[in-house]
PDB file of all heavy atoms in Angstrom:
ATOM      1  N   MET A   1     -45.005 -12.428  -4.594  1.00  0.00           N
ATOM      2  CA  MET A   1     -44.707 -13.819  -4.202  1.00  0.00           C
ATOM      3  C   MET A   1     -43.505 -14.322  -4.996  1.00  0.00           C
ATOM      4  O   MET A   1     -43.435 -14.135  -6.209  1.00  0.00           O
ATOM      5  CB  MET A   1     -45.921 -14.717  -4.459  1.00  0.00           C
ATOM      6  CG  MET A   1     -45.717 -16.161  -4.037  1.00  0.00           C
ATOM      7  SD  MET A   1     -47.224 -17.138  -4.278  1.00  0.00           S
ATOM      8  CE  MET A   1     -46.635 -18.735  -3.762  1.00  0.00           C
ATOM      9  N   ASP A   2     -42.553 -14.963  -4.331  1.00  0.00           N
ATOM     10  CA  ASP A   2     -41.338 -15.454  -4.974  1.00  0.00           C
ATOM     11  C   ASP A   2     -41.520 -16.907  -5.379  1.00  0.00           C
ATOM     12  O   ASP A   2     -41.660 -17.784  -4.538  1.00  0.00           O
ATOM     13  CB  ASP A   2     -40.153 -15.320  -4.013  1.00  0.00           C
ATOM     14  CG  ASP A   2     -38.852 -15.710  -4.682  1.00  0.00           C
ATOM     15  OD1 ASP A   2     -38.866 -15.910  -5.906  1.00  0.00           O
ATOM     16  OD2 ASP A   2     -37.837 -15.794  -3.975  1.00  0.00           O
ATOM     17  N   ASN A   3     -41.559 -17.153  -6.695  1.00  0.00           N
ATOM     18  CA  ASN A   3     -41.742 -18.517  -7.198  1.00  0.00           C
ATOM     19  C   ASN A   3     -40.438 -19.107  -7.707  1.00  0.00           C
ATOM     20  O   ASN A   3     -40.431 -20.026  -8.504  1.00  0.00           O
ATOM     21  CB  ASN A   3     -42.769 -18.515  -8.338  1.00  0.00           C
ATOM     22  CG  ASN A   3     -44.154 -18.166  -7.860  1.00  0.00           C
ATOM     23  OD1 ASN A   3     -44.575 -18.619  -6.803  1.00  0.00           O
ATOM     24  ND2 ASN A   3     -44.868 -17.349  -8.631  1.00  0.00           N
ATOM     25  N   SER A   4     -39.318 -18.571  -7.274  1.00  0.00           N
ATOM     26  CA  SER A   4     -38.033 -19.018  -7.789  1.00  0.00           C
ATOM     27  C   SER A   4     -37.592 -20.323  -7.140  1.00  0.00           C
ATOM     28  O   SER A   4     -37.987 -20.654  -6.028  1.00  0.00           O
ATOM     29  CB  SER A   4     -36.967 -17.947  -7.560  1.00  0.00           C
ATOM     30  OG  SER A   4     -36.779 -17.728  -6.184  1.00  0.00           O
ATOM     31  N   GLU A   5     -36.778 -21.066  -7.877  1.00  0.00           N
ATOM     32  CA  GLU A   5     -36.172 -22.303  -7.394  1.00  0.00           C
ATOM     33  C   GLU A   5     -34.680 -22.249  -7.699  1.00  0.00           C
ATOM     34  O   GLU A   5     -34.260 -21.644  -8.679  1.00  0.00           O
ATOM     35  CB  GLU A   5     -36.780 -23.518  -8.092  1.00  0.00           C
ATOM     36  CG  GLU A   5     -38.223 -23.803  -7.771  1.00  0.00           C
ATOM     37  CD  GLU A   5     -38.711 -25.023  -8.533  1.00  0.00           C
ATOM     38  OE1 GLU A   5     -39.024 -24.870  -9.727  1.00  0.00           O
ATOM     39  OE2 GLU A   5     -38.748 -26.116  -7.948  1.00  0.00           O
ATOM     40  N   PHE A   6     -33.894 -22.940  -6.883  1.00  0.00           N
ATOM     41  CA  PHE A   6     -32.453 -23.023  -7.117  1.00  0.00           C
ATOM     42  C   PHE A   6     -32.090 -24.425  -7.581  1.00  0.00           C
ATOM     43  O   PHE A   6     -32.631 -25.416  -7.092  1.00  0.00           O
ATOM     44  CB  PHE A   6     -31.674 -22.692  -5.836  1.00  0.00           C
ATOM     45  CG  PHE A   6     -31.691 -21.239  -5.467  1.00  0.00           C
ATOM     46  CD1 PHE A   6     -32.625 -20.766  -4.565  1.00  0.00           C
ATOM     47  CD2 PHE A   6     -30.799 -20.350  -6.025  1.00  0.00           C
ATOM     48  CE1 PHE A   6     -32.658 -19.435  -4.216  1.00  0.00           C
ATOM     49  CE2 PHE A   6     -30.812 -19.017  -5.688  1.00  0.00           C
ATOM     50  CZ  PHE A   6     -31.757 -18.551  -4.780  1.00  0.00           C
ATOM     51  N   PHE A   7     -31.156 -24.477  -8.520  1.00  0.00           N
ATOM     52  CA  PHE A   7     -30.627 -25.748  -9.011  1.00  0.00           C
ATOM     53  C   PHE A   7     -29.107 -25.662  -8.986  1.00  0.00           C
ATOM     54  O   PHE A   7     -28.530 -24.633  -9.363  1.00  0.00           O
ATOM     55  CB  PHE A   7     -31.117 -26.041 -10.428  1.00  0.00           C
ATOM     56  CG  PHE A   7     -32.603 -26.150 -10.557  1.00  0.00           C
ATOM     57  CD1 PHE A   7     -33.373 -25.034 -10.855  1.00  0.00           C
ATOM     58  CD2 PHE A   7     -33.240 -27.360 -10.358  1.00  0.00           C
ATOM     59  CE1 PHE A   7     -34.748 -25.114 -10.969  1.00  0.00           C
ATOM     60  CE2 PHE A   7     -34.622 -27.466 -10.463  1.00  0.00           C
ATOM     61  CZ  PHE A   7     -35.375 -26.337 -10.763  1.00  0.00           C
ATOM     62  N   VAL A   8     -28.474 -26.743  -8.559  1.00  0.00           N
ATOM     63  CA  VAL A   8     -27.016 -26.769  -8.435  1.00  0.00           C
ATOM     64  C   VAL A   8     -26.464 -27.913  -9.278  1.00  0.00           C
ATOM     65  O   VAL A   8     -26.783 -29.083  -9.040  1.00  0.00           O
ATOM     66  CB  VAL A   8     -26.576 -26.932  -6.973  1.00  0.00           C
ATOM     67  CG1 VAL A   8     -25.047 -26.916  -6.873  1.00  0.00           C
ATOM     68  CG2 VAL A   8     -27.173 -25.835  -6.097  1.00  0.00           C
ATOM     69  N   GLY A   9     -25.647 -27.584 -10.269  1.00  0.00           N
ATOM     70  CA  GLY A   9     -25.018 -28.592 -11.116  1.00  0.00           C
ATOM     71  C   GLY A   9     -23.601 -28.872 -10.656  1.00  0.00           C
ATOM     72  O   GLY A   9     -22.841 -27.949 -10.359  1.00  0.00           O
ATOM     73  N   LEU A  10     -23.242 -30.144 -10.579  1.00  0.00           N
ATOM     74  CA  LEU A  10     -21.909 -30.564 -10.147  1.00  0.00           C
ATOM     75  C   LEU A  10     -21.239 -31.347 -11.270  1.00  0.00           C
ATOM     76  O   LEU A  10     -21.661 -32.444 -11.622  1.00  0.00           O
ATOM     77  CB  LEU A  10     -21.998 -31.420  -8.880  1.00  0.00           C
ATOM     78  CG  LEU A  10     -20.690 -32.045  -8.367  1.00  0.00           C
ATOM     79  CD1 LEU A  10     -19.677 -30.964  -8.029  1.00  0.00           C
ATOM     80  CD2 LEU A  10     -20.962 -32.936  -7.161  1.00  0.00           C
ATOM     81  N   ASP A  11     -20.193 -30.750 -11.833  1.00  0.00           N
ATOM     82  CA  ASP A  11     -19.421 -31.368 -12.916  1.00  0.00           C
ATOM     83  C   ASP A  11     -18.080 -31.819 -12.352  1.00  0.00           C
ATOM     84  O   ASP A  11     -17.218 -31.003 -12.033  1.00  0.00           O
ATOM     85  CB  ASP A  11     -19.233 -30.347 -14.044  1.00  0.00           C
ATOM     86  CG  ASP A  11     -18.263 -30.840 -15.124  1.00  0.00           C
ATOM     87  OD1 ASP A  11     -17.978 -32.049 -15.158  1.00  0.00           O
ATOM     88  OD2 ASP A  11     -17.813 -29.997 -15.933  1.00  0.00           O
ATOM     89  N   ILE A  12     -17.916 -33.145 -12.219  1.00  0.00           N
ATOM     90  CA  ILE A  12     -16.683 -33.708 -11.670  1.00  0.00           C
ATOM     91  C   ILE A  12     -15.781 -34.085 -12.842  1.00  0.00           C
ATOM     92  O   ILE A  12     -15.932 -35.153 -13.454  1.00  0.00           O
ATOM     93  CB  ILE A  12     -16.976 -34.933 -10.782  1.00  0.00           C
ATOM     94  CG1 ILE A  12     -17.950 -34.547  -9.662  1.00  0.00           C
ATOM     95  CG2 ILE A  12     -15.686 -35.496 -10.193  1.00  0.00           C
ATOM     96  CD1 ILE A  12     -18.412 -35.719  -8.811  1.00  0.00           C
ATOM     97  N   GLY A  13     -14.856 -33.199 -13.176  1.00  0.00           N
ATOM     98  CA  GLY A  13     -13.973 -33.425 -14.313  1.00  0.00           C
ATOM     99  C   GLY A  13     -12.603 -33.907 -13.896  1.00  0.00           C
ATOM    100  O   GLY A  13     -12.263 -33.927 -12.707  1.00  0.00           O
ATOM    101  N   THR A  14     -11.801 -34.276 -14.875  1.00  0.00           N
ATOM    102  CA  THR A  14     -10.460 -34.781 -14.600  1.00  0.00           C
ATOM    103  C   THR A  14      -9.541 -33.695 -14.063  1.00  0.00           C
ATOM    104  O   THR A  14      -8.752 -33.935 -13.148  1.00  0.00           O
ATOM    105  CB  THR A  14      -9.851 -35.386 -15.885  1.00  0.00           C
ATOM    106  OG1 THR A  14     -10.714 -36.419 -16.369  1.00  0.00           O
ATOM    107  CG2 THR A  14      -8.475 -35.965 -15.613  1.00  0.00           C
ATOM    108  N   ASN A  15      -9.634 -32.495 -14.614  1.00  0.00           N
ATOM    109  CA  ASN A  15      -8.759 -31.402 -14.205  1.00  0.00           C
ATOM    110  C   ASN A  15      -9.394 -30.453 -13.201  1.00  0.00           C
ATOM    111  O   ASN A  15      -8.682 -29.830 -12.413  1.00  0.00           O
ATOM    112  CB  ASN A  15      -8.299 -30.594 -15.425  1.00  0.00           C
ATOM    113  CG  ASN A  15      -6.986 -31.111 -15.980  1.00  0.00           C
ATOM    114  OD1 ASN A  15      -6.466 -32.124 -15.512  1.00  0.00           O
ATOM    115  ND2 ASN A  15      -6.454 -30.442 -16.980  1.00  0.00           N
ATOM    116  N   SER A  16     -10.697 -30.293 -13.263  1.00  0.00           N
ATOM    117  CA  SER A  16     -11.365 -29.361 -12.358  1.00  0.00           C
ATOM    118  C   SER A  16     -12.762 -29.845 -12.009  1.00  0.00           C
ATOM    119  O   SER A  16     -13.385 -30.587 -12.782  1.00  0.00           O
ATOM    120  CB  SER A  16     -11.434 -27.957 -12.983  1.00  0.00           C
ATOM    121  OG  SER A  16     -12.246 -27.973 -14.136  1.00  0.00           O
ATOM    122  N   ILE A  17     -13.213 -29.421 -10.854  1.00  0.00           N
ATOM    123  CA  ILE A  17     -14.580 -29.686 -10.408  1.00  0.00           C
ATOM    124  C   ILE A  17     -15.310 -28.351 -10.421  1.00  0.00           C
ATOM    125  O   ILE A  17     -14.863 -27.383  -9.810  1.00  0.00           O
ATOM    126  CB  ILE A  17     -14.597 -30.316  -9.008  1.00  0.00           C
ATOM    127  CG1 ILE A  17     -14.015 -31.729  -9.081  1.00  0.00           C
ATOM    128  CG2 ILE A  17     -16.016 -30.355  -8.438  1.00  0.00           C
ATOM    129  CD1 ILE A  17     -13.862 -32.420  -7.746  1.00  0.00           C
ATOM    130  N   LYS A  18     -16.430 -28.319 -11.123  1.00  0.00           N
ATOM    131  CA  LYS A  18     -17.170 -27.078 -11.278  1.00  0.00           C
ATOM    132  C   LYS A  18     -18.564 -27.215 -10.686  1.00  0.00           C
ATOM    133  O   LYS A  18     -19.231 -28.234 -10.885  1.00  0.00           O
ATOM    134  CB  LYS A  18     -17.251 -26.683 -12.752  1.00  0.00           C
ATOM    135  CG  LYS A  18     -15.889 -26.340 -13.352  1.00  0.00           C
ATOM    136  CD  LYS A  18     -16.002 -25.978 -14.813  1.00  0.00           C
ATOM    137  CE  LYS A  18     -14.657 -25.519 -15.357  1.00  0.00           C
ATOM    138  NZ  LYS A  18     -13.635 -26.590 -15.289  1.00  0.00           N
ATOM    139  N   VAL A  19     -18.982 -26.176  -9.977  1.00  0.00           N
ATOM    140  CA  VAL A  19     -20.313 -26.111  -9.380  1.00  0.00           C
ATOM    141  C   VAL A  19     -21.005 -24.874  -9.937  1.00  0.00           C
ATOM    142  O   VAL A  19     -20.468 -23.769  -9.878  1.00  0.00           O
ATOM    143  CB  VAL A  19     -20.242 -26.029  -7.843  1.00  0.00           C
ATOM    144  CG1 VAL A  19     -21.639 -25.913  -7.247  1.00  0.00           C
ATOM    145  CG2 VAL A  19     -19.525 -27.259  -7.276  1.00  0.00           C
ATOM    146  N   VAL A  20     -22.183 -25.066 -10.503  1.00  0.00           N
ATOM    147  CA  VAL A  20     -22.955 -23.959 -11.074  1.00  0.00           C
ATOM    148  C   VAL A  20     -24.285 -23.870 -10.334  1.00  0.00           C
ATOM    149  O   VAL A  20     -25.026 -24.850 -10.254  1.00  0.00           O
ATOM    150  CB  VAL A  20     -23.197 -24.161 -12.583  1.00  0.00           C
ATOM    151  CG1 VAL A  20     -24.095 -23.060 -13.142  1.00  0.00           C
ATOM    152  CG2 VAL A  20     -21.876 -24.197 -13.335  1.00  0.00           C
ATOM    153  N   VAL A  21     -24.591 -22.697  -9.797  1.00  0.00           N
ATOM    154  CA  VAL A  21     -25.848 -22.452  -9.105  1.00  0.00           C
ATOM    155  C   VAL A  21     -26.710 -21.554  -9.975  1.00  0.00           C
ATOM    156  O   VAL A  21     -26.263 -20.483 -10.412  1.00  0.00           O
ATOM    157  CB  VAL A  21     -25.627 -21.788  -7.737  1.00  0.00           C
ATOM    158  CG1 VAL A  21     -26.958 -21.613  -7.003  1.00  0.00           C
ATOM    159  CG2 VAL A  21     -24.647 -22.589  -6.895  1.00  0.00           C
ATOM    160  N   ALA A  22     -27.935 -21.977 -10.244  1.00  0.00           N
ATOM    161  CA  ALA A  22     -28.837 -21.185 -11.079  1.00  0.00           C
ATOM    162  C   ALA A  22     -30.183 -21.038 -10.386  1.00  0.00           C
ATOM    163  O   ALA A  22     -30.642 -21.950  -9.683  1.00  0.00           O
ATOM    164  CB  ALA A  22     -29.014 -21.835 -12.448  1.00  0.00           C
ATOM    165  N   GLU A  23     -30.801 -19.899 -10.599  1.00  0.00           N
ATOM    166  CA  GLU A  23     -32.118 -19.623 -10.033  1.00  0.00           C
ATOM    167  C   GLU A  23     -33.130 -19.579 -11.168  1.00  0.00           C
ATOM    168  O   GLU A  23     -32.974 -18.807 -12.115  1.00  0.00           O
ATOM    169  CB  GLU A  23     -32.100 -18.296  -9.280  1.00  0.00           C
ATOM    170  CG  GLU A  23     -33.432 -17.954  -8.609  1.00  0.00           C
ATOM    171  CD  GLU A  23     -33.376 -16.642  -7.859  1.00  0.00           C
ATOM    172  OE1 GLU A  23     -32.442 -15.844  -8.116  1.00  0.00           O
ATOM    173  OE2 GLU A  23     -34.265 -16.409  -7.029  1.00  0.00           O
ATOM    174  N   ALA A  24     -34.149 -20.422 -11.091  1.00  0.00           N
ATOM    175  CA  ALA A  24     -35.204 -20.453 -12.097  1.00  0.00           C
ATOM    176  C   ALA A  24     -36.366 -19.595 -11.611  1.00  0.00           C
ATOM    177  O   ALA A  24     -36.924 -19.833 -10.538  1.00  0.00           O
ATOM    178  CB  ALA A  24     -35.672 -21.882 -12.340  1.00  0.00           C
ATOM    179  N   SER A  25     -36.706 -18.584 -12.399  1.00  0.00           N
ATOM    180  CA  SER A  25     -37.795 -17.687 -12.029  1.00  0.00           C
ATOM    181  C   SER A  25     -38.401 -17.104 -13.297  1.00  0.00           C
ATOM    182  O   SER A  25     -37.683 -16.642 -14.183  1.00  0.00           O
ATOM    183  CB  SER A  25     -37.269 -16.564 -11.135  1.00  0.00           C
ATOM    184  OG  SER A  25     -38.300 -15.671 -10.772  1.00  0.00           O
ATOM    185  N   ASP A  26     -39.746 -17.155 -13.367  1.00  0.00           N
ATOM    186  CA  ASP A  26     -40.460 -16.586 -14.512  1.00  0.00           C
ATOM    187  C   ASP A  26     -39.940 -17.123 -15.835  1.00  0.00           C
ATOM    188  O   ASP A  26     -39.665 -16.369 -16.782  1.00  0.00           O
ATOM    189  CB  ASP A  26     -40.353 -15.054 -14.504  1.00  0.00           C
ATOM    190  CG  ASP A  26     -40.960 -14.431 -13.252  1.00  0.00           C
ATOM    191  OD1 ASP A  26     -41.955 -14.997 -12.755  1.00  0.00           O
ATOM    192  OD2 ASP A  26     -40.436 -13.414 -12.791  1.00  0.00           O
ATOM    193  N   ASP A  27     -39.800 -18.444 -15.903  1.00  0.00           N
ATOM    194  CA  ASP A  27     -39.367 -19.121 -17.133  1.00  0.00           C
ATOM    195  C   ASP A  27     -37.987 -18.708 -17.607  1.00  0.00           C
ATOM    196  O   ASP A  27     -37.651 -18.831 -18.786  1.00  0.00           O
ATOM    197  CB  ASP A  27     -40.369 -18.891 -18.272  1.00  0.00           C
ATOM    198  CG  ASP A  27     -41.697 -19.582 -18.009  1.00  0.00           C
ATOM    199  OD1 ASP A  27     -41.682 -20.638 -17.356  1.00  0.00           O
ATOM    200  OD2 ASP A  27     -42.725 -19.060 -18.469  1.00  0.00           O
TER     201      ASP A  27
END
């Protein structure tokens, strides 16, 4: 069984915009 979750962080900066995708699974 897959208990993973996805989280997406959006950092809106002056010079660059960064998007980080992370998968949380098994702590």
